[in-house]
PDB file of all heavy atoms in Angstrom:
ATOM      1  N   ASN A   1      16.276  -4.243 -13.103  1.00  0.00           N
ATOM      2  CA  ASN A   1      17.200  -4.747 -14.104  1.00  0.00           C
ATOM      3  C   ASN A   1      18.577  -4.130 -13.895  1.00  0.00           C
ATOM      4  O   ASN A   1      18.733  -3.039 -13.342  1.00  0.00           O
ATOM      5  CB  ASN A   1      16.699  -4.424 -15.510  1.00  0.00           C
ATOM      6  CG  ASN A   1      15.406  -5.153 -15.849  1.00  0.00           C
ATOM      7  OD1 ASN A   1      15.099  -6.227 -15.276  1.00  0.00           O
ATOM      8  ND2 ASN A   1      14.643  -4.626 -16.806  1.00  0.00           N
ATOM      9  N   ASP A   2      19.594  -4.788 -14.356  1.00  0.00           N
ATOM     10  CA  ASP A   2      21.001  -4.281 -14.254  1.00  0.00           C
ATOM     11  C   ASP A   2      21.243  -3.208 -15.290  1.00  0.00           C
ATOM     12  O   ASP A   2      20.572  -3.151 -16.333  1.00  0.00           O
ATOM     13  CB  ASP A   2      21.971  -5.446 -14.441  1.00  0.00           C
ATOM     14  CG  ASP A   2      21.852  -6.500 -13.364  1.00  0.00           C
ATOM     15  OD1 ASP A   2      21.468  -6.114 -12.227  1.00  0.00           O
ATOM     16  OD2 ASP A   2      22.122  -7.671 -13.630  1.00  0.00           O
ATOM     17  N   HIS A   3      22.209  -2.370 -14.964  1.00  0.00           N
ATOM     18  CA  HIS A   3      22.746  -1.381 -15.909  1.00  0.00           C
ATOM     19  C   HIS A   3      21.705  -0.411 -16.475  1.00  0.00           C
ATOM     20  O   HIS A   3      21.683  -0.111 -17.679  1.00  0.00           O
ATOM     21  CB  HIS A   3      23.458  -2.054 -17.087  1.00  0.00           C
ATOM     22  CG  HIS A   3      24.440  -3.123 -16.653  1.00  0.00           C
ATOM     23  ND1 HIS A   3      25.522  -2.823 -15.866  1.00  0.00           N
ATOM     24  CD2 HIS A   3      24.430  -4.477 -16.886  1.00  0.00           C
ATOM     25  CE1 HIS A   3      26.209  -3.971 -15.637  1.00  0.00           C
ATOM     26  NE2 HIS A   3      25.567  -4.994 -16.233  1.00  0.00           N
ATOM     27  N   LEU A   4      20.802   0.048 -15.652  1.00  0.00           N
ATOM     28  CA  LEU A   4      19.833   1.057 -16.076  1.00  0.00           C
ATOM     29  C   LEU A   4      20.520   2.404 -16.236  1.00  0.00           C
ATOM     30  O   LEU A   4      21.349   2.804 -15.399  1.00  0.00           O
ATOM     31  CB  LEU A   4      18.684   1.181 -15.071  1.00  0.00           C
ATOM     32  CG  LEU A   4      17.754  -0.041 -14.937  1.00  0.00           C
ATOM     33  CD1 LEU A   4      16.670   0.239 -13.910  1.00  0.00           C
ATOM     34  CD2 LEU A   4      17.137  -0.402 -16.262  1.00  0.00           C
ATOM     35  N   PRO A   5      20.184   3.171 -17.280  1.00  0.00           N
ATOM     36  CA  PRO A   5      20.844   4.473 -17.499  1.00  0.00           C
ATOM     37  C   PRO A   5      20.261   5.512 -16.515  1.00  0.00           C
ATOM     38  O   PRO A   5      19.240   5.315 -15.903  1.00  0.00           O
ATOM     39  CB  PRO A   5      20.444   4.792 -18.928  1.00  0.00           C
ATOM     40  CG  PRO A   5      19.161   4.109 -19.146  1.00  0.00           C
ATOM     41  CD  PRO A   5      19.255   2.827 -18.376  1.00  0.00           C
ATOM     42  N   ASN A   6      21.008   6.637 -16.411  1.00  0.00           N
ATOM     43  CA  ASN A   6      20.524   7.745 -15.617  1.00  0.00           C
ATOM     44  C   ASN A   6      19.189   8.260 -16.237  1.00  0.00           C
ATOM     45  O   ASN A   6      19.027   8.230 -17.448  1.00  0.00           O
ATOM     46  CB  ASN A   6      21.513   8.872 -15.585  1.00  0.00           C
ATOM     47  CG  ASN A   6      22.758   8.493 -14.799  1.00  0.00           C
ATOM     48  OD1 ASN A   6      22.768   7.499 -14.048  1.00  0.00           O
ATOM     49  ND2 ASN A   6      23.812   9.307 -14.915  1.00  0.00           N
ATOM     50  N   GLY A   7      18.311   8.696 -15.376  1.00  0.00           N
ATOM     51  CA  GLY A   7      17.028   9.197 -15.875  1.00  0.00           C
ATOM     52  C   GLY A   7      15.975   9.189 -14.785  1.00  0.00           C
ATOM     53  O   GLY A   7      16.246   8.908 -13.626  1.00  0.00           O
ATOM     54  N   THR A   8      14.758   9.494 -15.179  1.00  0.00           N
ATOM     55  CA  THR A   8      13.622   9.549 -14.259  1.00  0.00           C
ATOM     56  C   THR A   8      12.826   8.255 -14.355  1.00  0.00           C
ATOM     57  O   THR A   8      12.544   7.779 -15.457  1.00  0.00           O
ATOM     58  CB  THR A   8      12.735  10.768 -14.605  1.00  0.00           C
ATOM     59  OG1 THR A   8      13.481  11.959 -14.501  1.00  0.00           O
ATOM     60  CG2 THR A   8      11.539  10.822 -13.628  1.00  0.00           C
ATOM     61  N   TYR A   9      12.469   7.742 -13.231  1.00  0.00           N
ATOM     62  CA  TYR A   9      11.707   6.484 -13.173  1.00  0.00           C
ATOM     63  C   TYR A   9      10.506   6.650 -12.232  1.00  0.00           C
ATOM     64  O   TYR A   9      10.438   7.614 -11.454  1.00  0.00           O
ATOM     65  CB  TYR A   9      12.625   5.332 -12.637  1.00  0.00           C
ATOM     66  CG  TYR A   9      13.772   5.031 -13.532  1.00  0.00           C
ATOM     67  CD1 TYR A   9      14.965   5.743 -13.441  1.00  0.00           C
ATOM     68  CD2 TYR A   9      13.678   4.058 -14.495  1.00  0.00           C
ATOM     69  CE1 TYR A   9      16.046   5.470 -14.283  1.00  0.00           C
ATOM     70  CE2 TYR A   9      14.728   3.730 -15.381  1.00  0.00           C
ATOM     71  CZ  TYR A   9      15.900   4.479 -15.224  1.00  0.00           C
ATOM     72  OH  TYR A   9      16.932   4.192 -16.086  1.00  0.00           O
ATOM     73  N   ARG A  10       9.591   5.722 -12.349  1.00  0.00           N
ATOM     74  CA  ARG A  10       8.427   5.778 -11.453  1.00  0.00           C
ATOM     75  C   ARG A  10       8.065   4.353 -10.993  1.00  0.00           C
ATOM     76  O   ARG A  10       8.124   3.398 -11.778  1.00  0.00           O
ATOM     77  CB  ARG A  10       7.234   6.440 -12.132  1.00  0.00           C
ATOM     78  CG  ARG A  10       6.600   5.651 -13.260  1.00  0.00           C
ATOM     79  CD  ARG A  10       5.421   6.416 -13.906  1.00  0.00           C
ATOM     80  NE  ARG A  10       4.652   5.598 -14.827  1.00  0.00           N
ATOM     81  CZ  ARG A  10       5.015   5.382 -16.086  1.00  0.00           C
ATOM     82  NH1 ARG A  10       6.125   5.929 -16.581  1.00  0.00           N
ATOM     83  NH2 ARG A  10       4.245   4.601 -16.842  1.00  0.00           N
ATOM     84  N   ILE A  11       7.734   4.250  -9.696  1.00  0.00           N
ATOM     85  CA  ILE A  11       7.273   2.993  -9.111  1.00  0.00           C
ATOM     86  C   ILE A  11       5.754   2.998  -9.121  1.00  0.00           C
ATOM     87  O   ILE A  11       5.140   3.910  -8.536  1.00  0.00           O
ATOM     88  CB  ILE A  11       7.773   2.849  -7.655  1.00  0.00           C
ATOM     89  CG1 ILE A  11       9.300   2.992  -7.592  1.00  0.00           C
ATOM     90  CG2 ILE A  11       7.376   1.481  -7.107  1.00  0.00           C
ATOM     91  CD1 ILE A  11       9.823   3.139  -6.178  1.00  0.00           C
ATOM     92  N   GLN A  12       5.160   2.063  -9.768  1.00  0.00           N
ATOM     93  CA  GLN A  12       3.714   1.980  -9.823  1.00  0.00           C
ATOM     94  C   GLN A  12       3.280   0.764  -8.977  1.00  0.00           C
ATOM     95  O   GLN A  12       3.657  -0.362  -9.253  1.00  0.00           O
ATOM     96  CB  GLN A  12       3.259   1.788 -11.287  1.00  0.00           C
ATOM     97  CG  GLN A  12       1.759   1.889 -11.478  1.00  0.00           C
ATOM     98  CD  GLN A  12       1.404   2.015 -12.958  1.00  0.00           C
ATOM     99  OE1 GLN A  12       1.914   2.891 -13.667  1.00  0.00           O
ATOM    100  NE2 GLN A  12       0.525   1.138 -13.416  1.00  0.00           N
ATOM    101  N   TRP A  13       2.495   1.014  -7.936  1.00  0.00           N
ATOM    102  CA  TRP A  13       2.170  -0.023  -6.984  1.00  0.00           C
ATOM    103  C   TRP A  13       0.666  -0.146  -6.706  1.00  0.00           C
ATOM    104  O   TRP A  13      -0.078   0.818  -6.905  1.00  0.00           O
ATOM    105  CB  TRP A  13       2.919   0.191  -5.666  1.00  0.00           C
ATOM    106  CG  TRP A  13       2.610   1.538  -5.023  1.00  0.00           C
ATOM    107  CD1 TRP A  13       3.266   2.700  -5.267  1.00  0.00           C
ATOM    108  CD2 TRP A  13       1.539   1.836  -4.142  1.00  0.00           C
ATOM    109  NE1 TRP A  13       2.702   3.727  -4.542  1.00  0.00           N
ATOM    110  CE2 TRP A  13       1.634   3.226  -3.828  1.00  0.00           C
ATOM    111  CE3 TRP A  13       0.533   1.110  -3.545  1.00  0.00           C
ATOM    112  CZ2 TRP A  13       0.739   3.869  -2.988  1.00  0.00           C
ATOM    113  CZ3 TRP A  13      -0.352   1.727  -2.692  1.00  0.00           C
ATOM    114  CH2 TRP A  13      -0.217   3.106  -2.408  1.00  0.00           C
ATOM    115  N   ARG A  14       0.311  -1.301  -6.256  1.00  0.00           N
ATOM    116  CA  ARG A  14      -1.082  -1.549  -5.856  1.00  0.00           C
ATOM    117  C   ARG A  14      -1.096  -2.623  -4.755  1.00  0.00           C
ATOM    118  O   ARG A  14      -0.498  -3.689  -4.931  1.00  0.00           O
ATOM    119  CB  ARG A  14      -1.947  -2.000  -7.037  1.00  0.00           C
ATOM    120  CG  ARG A  14      -3.452  -2.164  -6.680  1.00  0.00           C
ATOM    121  CD  ARG A  14      -4.203  -2.714  -7.840  1.00  0.00           C
ATOM    122  NE  ARG A  14      -5.659  -2.654  -7.668  1.00  0.00           N
ATOM    123  CZ  ARG A  14      -6.400  -3.584  -7.020  1.00  0.00           C
ATOM    124  NH1 ARG A  14      -5.782  -4.636  -6.481  1.00  0.00           N
ATOM    125  NH2 ARG A  14      -7.691  -3.431  -6.876  1.00  0.00           N
ATOM    126  N   VAL A  15      -1.781  -2.368  -3.643  1.00  0.00           N
ATOM    127  CA  VAL A  15      -1.882  -3.371  -2.587  1.00  0.00           C
ATOM    128  C   VAL A  15      -3.344  -3.326  -2.082  1.00  0.00           C
ATOM    129  O   VAL A  15      -4.095  -2.394  -2.356  1.00  0.00           O
ATOM    130  CB  VAL A  15      -0.935  -3.090  -1.414  1.00  0.00           C
ATOM    131  CG1 VAL A  15       0.519  -3.148  -1.896  1.00  0.00           C
ATOM    132  CG2 VAL A  15      -1.228  -1.762  -0.752  1.00  0.00           C
ATOM    133  N   VAL A  16      -3.685  -4.351  -1.313  1.00  0.00           N
ATOM    134  CA  VAL A  16      -4.996  -4.433  -0.677  1.00  0.00           C
ATOM    135  C   VAL A  16      -4.792  -4.352   0.843  1.00  0.00           C
ATOM    136  O   VAL A  16      -4.042  -5.144   1.416  1.00  0.00           O
ATOM    137  CB  VAL A  16      -5.752  -5.725  -1.044  1.00  0.00           C
ATOM    138  CG1 VAL A  16      -7.108  -5.807  -0.319  1.00  0.00           C
ATOM    139  CG2 VAL A  16      -5.920  -5.802  -2.530  1.00  0.00           C
ATOM    140  N   SER A  17      -5.451  -3.395   1.491  1.00  0.00           N
ATOM    141  CA  SER A  17      -5.355  -3.247   2.925  1.00  0.00           C
ATOM    142  C   SER A  17      -5.964  -4.419   3.648  1.00  0.00           C
ATOM    143  O   SER A  17      -6.666  -5.224   3.047  1.00  0.00           O
ATOM    144  CB  SER A  17      -6.075  -1.945   3.387  1.00  0.00           C
ATOM    145  OG  SER A  17      -5.597  -0.839   2.676  1.00  0.00           O
ATOM    146  N   SER A  18      -5.710  -4.474   4.944  1.00  0.00           N
ATOM    147  CA  SER A  18      -6.253  -5.591   5.727  1.00  0.00           C
ATOM    148  C   SER A  18      -7.784  -5.580   5.739  1.00  0.00           C
ATOM    149  O   SER A  18      -8.399  -6.640   5.913  1.00  0.00           O
ATOM    150  CB  SER A  18      -5.738  -5.492   7.187  1.00  0.00           C
ATOM    151  OG  SER A  18      -4.330  -5.682   7.205  1.00  0.00           O
ATOM    152  N   ASP A  19      -8.390  -4.419   5.567  1.00  0.00           N
ATOM    153  CA  ASP A  19      -9.843  -4.331   5.562  1.00  0.00           C
ATOM    154  C   ASP A  19     -10.424  -4.604   4.195  1.00  0.00           C
ATOM    155  O   ASP A  19     -11.643  -4.479   4.005  1.00  0.00           O
ATOM    156  CB  ASP A  19     -10.331  -2.986   6.105  1.00  0.00           C
ATOM    157  CG  ASP A  19      -9.913  -1.824   5.227  1.00  0.00           C
ATOM    158  OD1 ASP A  19      -9.108  -2.042   4.304  1.00  0.00           O
ATOM    159  OD2 ASP A  19     -10.401  -0.709   5.441  1.00  0.00           O
ATOM    160  N   GLY A  20      -9.550  -4.947   3.249  1.00  0.00           N
ATOM    161  CA  GLY A  20     -10.050  -5.298   1.928  1.00  0.00           C
ATOM    162  C   GLY A  20     -10.183  -4.142   0.967  1.00  0.00           C
ATOM    163  O   GLY A  20     -10.725  -4.282  -0.144  1.00  0.00           O
ATOM    164  N   HIS A  21      -9.664  -2.946   1.304  1.00  0.00           N
ATOM    165  CA  HIS A  21      -9.725  -1.782   0.398  1.00  0.00           C
ATOM    166  C   HIS A  21      -8.432  -1.668  -0.357  1.00  0.00           C
ATOM    167  O   HIS A  21      -7.362  -1.576   0.252  1.00  0.00           O
ATOM    168  CB  HIS A  21     -10.025  -0.501   1.185  1.00  0.00           C
ATOM    169  CG  HIS A  21     -11.364  -0.481   1.806  1.00  0.00           C
ATOM    170  ND1 HIS A  21     -11.617  -0.743   3.134  1.00  0.00           N
ATOM    171  CD2 HIS A  21     -12.593  -0.240   1.244  1.00  0.00           C
ATOM    172  CE1 HIS A  21     -12.894  -0.664   3.381  1.00  0.00           C
ATOM    173  NE2 HIS A  21     -13.519  -0.363   2.254  1.00  0.00           N
ATOM    174  N   PRO A  22      -8.484  -1.612  -1.683  1.00  0.00           N
ATOM    175  CA  PRO A  22      -7.262  -1.452  -2.467  1.00  0.00           C
ATOM    176  C   PRO A  22      -6.746  -0.039  -2.389  1.00  0.00           C
ATOM    177  O   PRO A  22      -7.511   0.926  -2.304  1.00  0.00           O
ATOM    178  CB  PRO A  22      -7.717  -1.815  -3.895  1.00  0.00           C
ATOM    179  CG  PRO A  22      -9.183  -1.478  -3.917  1.00  0.00           C
ATOM    180  CD  PRO A  22      -9.682  -1.745  -2.526  1.00  0.00           C
ATOM    181  N   VAL A  23      -5.437   0.081  -2.413  1.00  0.00           N
ATOM    182  CA  VAL A  23      -4.767   1.376  -2.448  1.00  0.00           C
ATOM    183  C   VAL A  23      -3.695   1.289  -3.529  1.00  0.00           C
ATOM    184  O   VAL A  23      -2.990   0.277  -3.649  1.00  0.00           O
ATOM    185  CB  VAL A  23      -4.120   1.711  -1.089  1.00  0.00           C
ATOM    186  CG1 VAL A  23      -3.531   3.123  -1.089  1.00  0.00           C
ATOM    187  CG2 VAL A  23      -5.075   1.529   0.056  1.00  0.00           C
ATOM    188  N   GLN A  24      -3.538   2.335  -4.333  1.00  0.00           N
ATOM    189  CA  GLN A  24      -2.559   2.307  -5.404  1.00  0.00           C
ATOM    190  C   GLN A  24      -1.955   3.669  -5.573  1.00  0.00           C
ATOM    191  O   GLN A  24      -2.518   4.697  -5.099  1.00  0.00           O
ATOM    192  CB  GLN A  24      -3.205   1.846  -6.681  1.00  0.00           C
ATOM    193  CG  GLN A  24      -4.370   2.692  -7.175  1.00  0.00           C
ATOM    194  CD  GLN A  24      -5.099   2.069  -8.346  1.00  0.00           C
ATOM    195  OE1 GLN A  24      -4.598   1.155  -8.972  1.00  0.00           O
ATOM    196  NE2 GLN A  24      -6.261   2.598  -8.662  1.00  0.00           N
ATOM    197  N   GLY A  25      -0.797   3.735  -6.242  1.00  0.00           N
ATOM    198  CA  GLY A  25      -0.198   5.020  -6.463  1.00  0.00           C
ATOM    199  C   GLY A  25       1.089   4.929  -7.258  1.00  0.00           C
ATOM    200  O   GLY A  25       1.475   3.865  -7.759  1.00  0.00           O
ATOM    201  N   VAL A  26       1.742   6.066  -7.414  1.00  0.00           N
ATOM    202  CA  VAL A  26       2.972   6.174  -8.203  1.00  0.00           C
ATOM    203  C   VAL A  26       3.982   6.961  -7.378  1.00  0.00           C
ATOM    204  O   VAL A  26       3.641   8.028  -6.793  1.00  0.00           O
ATOM    205  CB  VAL A  26       2.737   6.884  -9.577  1.00  0.00           C
ATOM    206  CG1 VAL A  26       4.047   7.065 -10.313  1.00  0.00           C
ATOM    207  CG2 VAL A  26       1.743   6.065 -10.392  1.00  0.00           C
ATOM    208  N   ILE A  27       5.236   6.503  -7.353  1.00  0.00           N
ATOM    209  CA  ILE A  27       6.321   7.203  -6.624  1.00  0.00           C
ATOM    210  C   ILE A  27       7.429   7.438  -7.645  1.00  0.00           C
ATOM    211  O   ILE A  27       8.039   6.515  -8.125  1.00  0.00           O
ATOM    212  CB  ILE A  27       6.847   6.379  -5.457  1.00  0.00           C
ATOM    213  CG1 ILE A  27       5.741   6.056  -4.443  1.00  0.00           C
ATOM    214  CG2 ILE A  27       8.006   7.103  -4.779  1.00  0.00           C
ATOM    215  CD1 ILE A  27       6.168   5.141  -3.342  1.00  0.00           C
ATOM    216  N   PRO A  28       7.724   8.728  -7.970  1.00  0.00           N
ATOM    217  CA  PRO A  28       8.800   9.026  -8.914  1.00  0.00           C
ATOM    218  C   PRO A  28      10.128   9.119  -8.186  1.00  0.00           C
ATOM    219  O   PRO A  28      10.195   9.497  -7.016  1.00  0.00           O
ATOM    220  CB  PRO A  28       8.380  10.375  -9.484  1.00  0.00           C
ATOM    221  CG  PRO A  28       7.594  11.022  -8.371  1.00  0.00           C
ATOM    222  CD  PRO A  28       6.937   9.923  -7.639  1.00  0.00           C
ATOM    223  N   PHE A  29      11.211   8.746  -8.914  1.00  0.00           N
ATOM    224  CA  PHE A  29      12.568   8.972  -8.385  1.00  0.00           C
ATOM    225  C   PHE A  29      13.511   9.129  -9.595  1.00  0.00           C
ATOM    226  O   PHE A  29      13.132   8.965 -10.741  1.00  0.00           O
ATOM    227  CB  PHE A  29      13.007   7.808  -7.479  1.00  0.00           C
ATOM    228  CG  PHE A  29      13.229   6.508  -8.213  1.00  0.00           C
ATOM    229  CD1 PHE A  29      14.492   6.106  -8.601  1.00  0.00           C
ATOM    230  CD2 PHE A  29      12.154   5.616  -8.439  1.00  0.00           C
ATOM    231  CE1 PHE A  29      14.705   4.905  -9.243  1.00  0.00           C
ATOM    232  CE2 PHE A  29      12.344   4.431  -9.096  1.00  0.00           C
ATOM    233  CZ  PHE A  29      13.618   4.049  -9.504  1.00  0.00           C
ATOM    234  N   GLN A  30      14.746   9.439  -9.301  1.00  0.00           N
ATOM    235  CA  GLN A  30      15.701   9.744 -10.357  1.00  0.00           C
ATOM    236  C   GLN A  30      17.029   9.105 -10.056  1.00  0.00           C
ATOM    237  O   GLN A  30      17.460   9.016  -8.910  1.00  0.00           O
ATOM    238  CB  GLN A  30      15.878  11.258 -10.476  1.00  0.00           C
ATOM    239  CG  GLN A  30      16.760  11.679 -11.633  1.00  0.00           C
ATOM    240  CD  GLN A  30      16.706  13.202 -11.828  1.00  0.00           C
ATOM    241  OE1 GLN A  30      15.701  13.734 -12.258  1.00  0.00           O
ATOM    242  NE2 GLN A  30      17.791  13.874 -11.462  1.00  0.00           N
ATOM    243  N   ILE A  31      17.682   8.664 -11.088  1.00  0.00           N
ATOM    244  CA  ILE A  31      19.025   8.084 -10.986  1.00  0.00           C
ATOM    245  C   ILE A  31      19.972   9.034 -11.714  1.00  0.00           C
ATOM    246  O   ILE A  31      19.760   9.359 -12.904  1.00  0.00           O
ATOM    247  CB  ILE A  31      19.142   6.690 -11.600  1.00  0.00           C
ATOM    248  CG1 ILE A  31      18.190   5.710 -10.882  1.00  0.00           C
ATOM    249  CG2 ILE A  31      20.562   6.198 -11.508  1.00  0.00           C
ATOM    250  CD1 ILE A  31      18.159   4.356 -11.511  1.00  0.00           C
ATOM    251  N   GLY A  32      21.025   9.527 -11.044  1.00  0.00           N
ATOM    252  CA  GLY A  32      21.960  10.440 -11.659  1.00  0.00           C
ATOM    253  C   GLY A  32      21.470  11.864 -11.709  1.00  0.00           C
ATOM    254  O   GLY A  32      20.239  12.114 -11.571  1.00  0.00           O
ATOM    255  N   GLY A  33      22.365  12.826 -11.899  1.00  0.00           N
ATOM    256  CA  GLY A  33      21.976  14.220 -12.018  1.00  0.00           C
ATOM    257  C   GLY A  33      21.641  14.623 -13.403  1.00  0.00           C
ATOM    258  O   GLY A  33      22.444  14.527 -14.313  1.00  0.00           O
ATOM    259  N   LEU A  34      20.380  14.986 -13.618  1.00  0.00           N
ATOM    260  CA  LEU A  34      19.960  15.436 -14.921  1.00  0.00           C
ATOM    261  C   LEU A  34      19.383  16.830 -14.806  1.00  0.00           C
ATOM    262  O   LEU A  34      19.057  17.320 -13.743  1.00  0.00           O
ATOM    263  CB  LEU A  34      18.874  14.503 -15.488  1.00  0.00           C
ATOM    264  CG  LEU A  34      19.312  13.054 -15.805  1.00  0.00           C
ATOM    265  CD1 LEU A  34      18.110  12.248 -16.254  1.00  0.00           C
ATOM    266  CD2 LEU A  34      20.380  13.031 -16.868  1.00  0.00           C
ATOM    267  N   GLU A  35      19.216  17.459 -15.936  1.00  0.00           N
ATOM    268  CA  GLU A  35      18.595  18.803 -15.922  1.00  0.00           C
ATOM    269  C   GLU A  35      17.191  18.718 -15.455  1.00  0.00           C
ATOM    270  O   GLU A  35      16.636  19.637 -14.828  1.00  0.00           O
ATOM    271  CB  GLU A  35      18.663  19.437 -17.354  1.00  0.00           C
ATOM    272  CG  GLU A  35      20.090  19.719 -17.793  1.00  0.00           C
ATOM    273  CD  GLU A  35      20.085  20.371 -19.167  1.00  0.00           C
ATOM    274  OE1 GLU A  35      19.000  20.578 -19.715  1.00  0.00           O
ATOM    275  OE2 GLU A  35      21.178  20.656 -19.669  1.00  0.00           O
ATOM    276  N   SER A  36      16.505  17.637 -15.774  1.00  0.00           N
ATOM    277  CA  SER A  36      15.102  17.474 -15.350  1.00  0.00           C
ATOM    278  C   SER A  36      15.059  16.892 -13.973  1.00  0.00           C
ATOM    279  O   SER A  36      15.480  15.735 -13.772  1.00  0.00           O
ATOM    280  CB  SER A  36      14.360  16.573 -16.345  1.00  0.00           C
ATOM    281  OG  SER A  36      13.037  16.326 -15.900  1.00  0.00           O
ATOM    282  N   ASN A  37      14.637  17.681 -13.022  1.00  0.00           N
ATOM    283  CA  ASN A  37      14.551  17.212 -11.632  1.00  0.00           C
ATOM    284  C   ASN A  37      13.128  16.731 -11.381  1.00  0.00           C
ATOM    285  O   ASN A  37      12.173  17.423 -11.695  1.00  0.00           O
ATOM    286  CB  ASN A  37      14.876  18.351 -10.677  1.00  0.00           C
ATOM    287  CG  ASN A  37      15.046  17.911  -9.255  1.00  0.00           C
ATOM    288  OD1 ASN A  37      14.166  17.211  -8.738  1.00  0.00           O
ATOM    289  ND2 ASN A  37      16.136  18.312  -8.620  1.00  0.00           N
ATOM    290  N   PRO A  38      12.986  15.565 -10.772  1.00  0.00           N
ATOM    291  CA  PRO A  38      11.596  15.082 -10.530  1.00  0.00           C
ATOM    292  C   PRO A  38      10.783  15.984  -9.674  1.00  0.00           C
ATOM    293  O   PRO A  38       9.565  16.024  -9.783  1.00  0.00           O
ATOM    294  CB  PRO A  38      11.845  13.718  -9.804  1.00  0.00           C
ATOM    295  CG  PRO A  38      13.243  13.765  -9.325  1.00  0.00           C
ATOM    296  CD  PRO A  38      13.983  14.657 -10.255  1.00  0.00           C
ATOM    297  N   LYS A  39      11.412  16.788  -8.798  1.00  0.00           N
ATOM    298  CA  LYS A  39      10.617  17.709  -7.979  1.00  0.00           C
ATOM    299  C   LYS A  39      10.034  18.842  -8.792  1.00  0.00           C
ATOM    300  O   LYS A  39       9.012  19.390  -8.435  1.00  0.00           O
ATOM    301  CB  LYS A  39      11.540  18.327  -6.900  1.00  0.00           C
ATOM    302  CG  LYS A  39      11.902  17.321  -5.814  1.00  0.00           C
ATOM    303  CD  LYS A  39      12.624  18.019  -4.709  1.00  0.00           C
ATOM    304  CE  LYS A  39      12.964  17.054  -3.580  1.00  0.00           C
ATOM    305  NZ  LYS A  39      13.640  17.708  -2.441  1.00  0.00           N
ATOM    306  N   SER A  40      10.697  19.200  -9.899  1.00  0.00           N
ATOM    307  CA  SER A  40      10.176  20.306 -10.709  1.00  0.00           C
ATOM    308  C   SER A  40       9.303  19.827 -11.847  1.00  0.00           C
ATOM    309  O   SER A  40       8.754  20.606 -12.580  1.00  0.00           O
ATOM    310  CB  SER A  40      11.375  21.096 -11.255  1.00  0.00           C
ATOM    311  OG  SER A  40      12.175  20.242 -12.093  1.00  0.00           O
ATOM    312  N   SER A  41       9.189  18.494 -12.012  1.00  0.00           N
ATOM    313  CA  SER A  41       8.358  17.971 -13.066  1.00  0.00           C
ATOM    314  C   SER A  41       6.945  17.655 -12.540  1.00  0.00           C
ATOM    315  O   SER A  41       6.627  17.940 -11.403  1.00  0.00           O
ATOM    316  CB  SER A  41       8.971  16.703 -13.616  1.00  0.00           C
ATOM    317  OG  SER A  41       8.943  15.649 -12.664  1.00  0.00           O
ATOM    318  N   ASN A  42       6.182  17.044 -13.357  1.00  0.00           N
ATOM    319  CA  ASN A  42       4.809  16.681 -12.936  1.00  0.00           C
ATOM    320  C   ASN A  42       4.734  15.286 -12.374  1.00  0.00           C
ATOM    321  O   ASN A  42       3.658  14.752 -12.157  1.00  0.00           O
ATOM    322  CB  ASN A  42       3.850  16.795 -14.132  1.00  0.00           C
ATOM    323  CG  ASN A  42       3.659  18.227 -14.570  1.00  0.00           C
ATOM    324  OD1 ASN A  42       3.660  19.120 -13.754  1.00  0.00           O
ATOM    325  ND2 ASN A  42       3.509  18.425 -15.870  1.00  0.00           N
ATOM    326  N   ASN A  43       5.900  14.664 -12.104  1.00  0.00           N
ATOM    327  CA  ASN A  43       5.921  13.317 -11.598  1.00  0.00           C
ATOM    328  C   ASN A  43       5.736  13.291 -10.059  1.00  0.00           C
ATOM    329  O   ASN A  43       6.526  12.754  -9.332  1.00  0.00           O
ATOM    330  CB  ASN A  43       7.234  12.606 -11.935  1.00  0.00           C
ATOM    331  CG  ASN A  43       7.354  12.376 -13.432  1.00  0.00           C
ATOM    332  OD1 ASN A  43       6.364  12.139 -14.087  1.00  0.00           O
ATOM    333  ND2 ASN A  43       8.574  12.444 -13.950  1.00  0.00           N
ATOM    334  N   ASN A  44       4.729  13.953  -9.587  1.00  0.00           N
ATOM    335  CA  ASN A  44       4.480  13.982  -8.154  1.00  0.00           C
ATOM    336  C   ASN A  44       3.874  12.636  -7.701  1.00  0.00           C
ATOM    337  O   ASN A  44       3.225  11.962  -8.495  1.00  0.00           O
ATOM    338  CB  ASN A  44       3.520  15.089  -7.768  1.00  0.00           C
ATOM    339  CG  ASN A  44       4.129  16.445  -8.023  1.00  0.00           C
ATOM    340  OD1 ASN A  44       5.310  16.642  -7.815  1.00  0.00           O
ATOM    341  ND2 ASN A  44       3.314  17.362  -8.525  1.00  0.00           N
TER     342      ASN A  44
END
């Protein structure tokens, strides 16, 4: 979406491999400099 504010976000994804096995996960990232750094949080 347009005009998202600075902050911490997470990408939640799910795909199916060629062999038919599903794989899923979460990737955190951050927009702008905040006191809360994603590396120091639990958003691994």
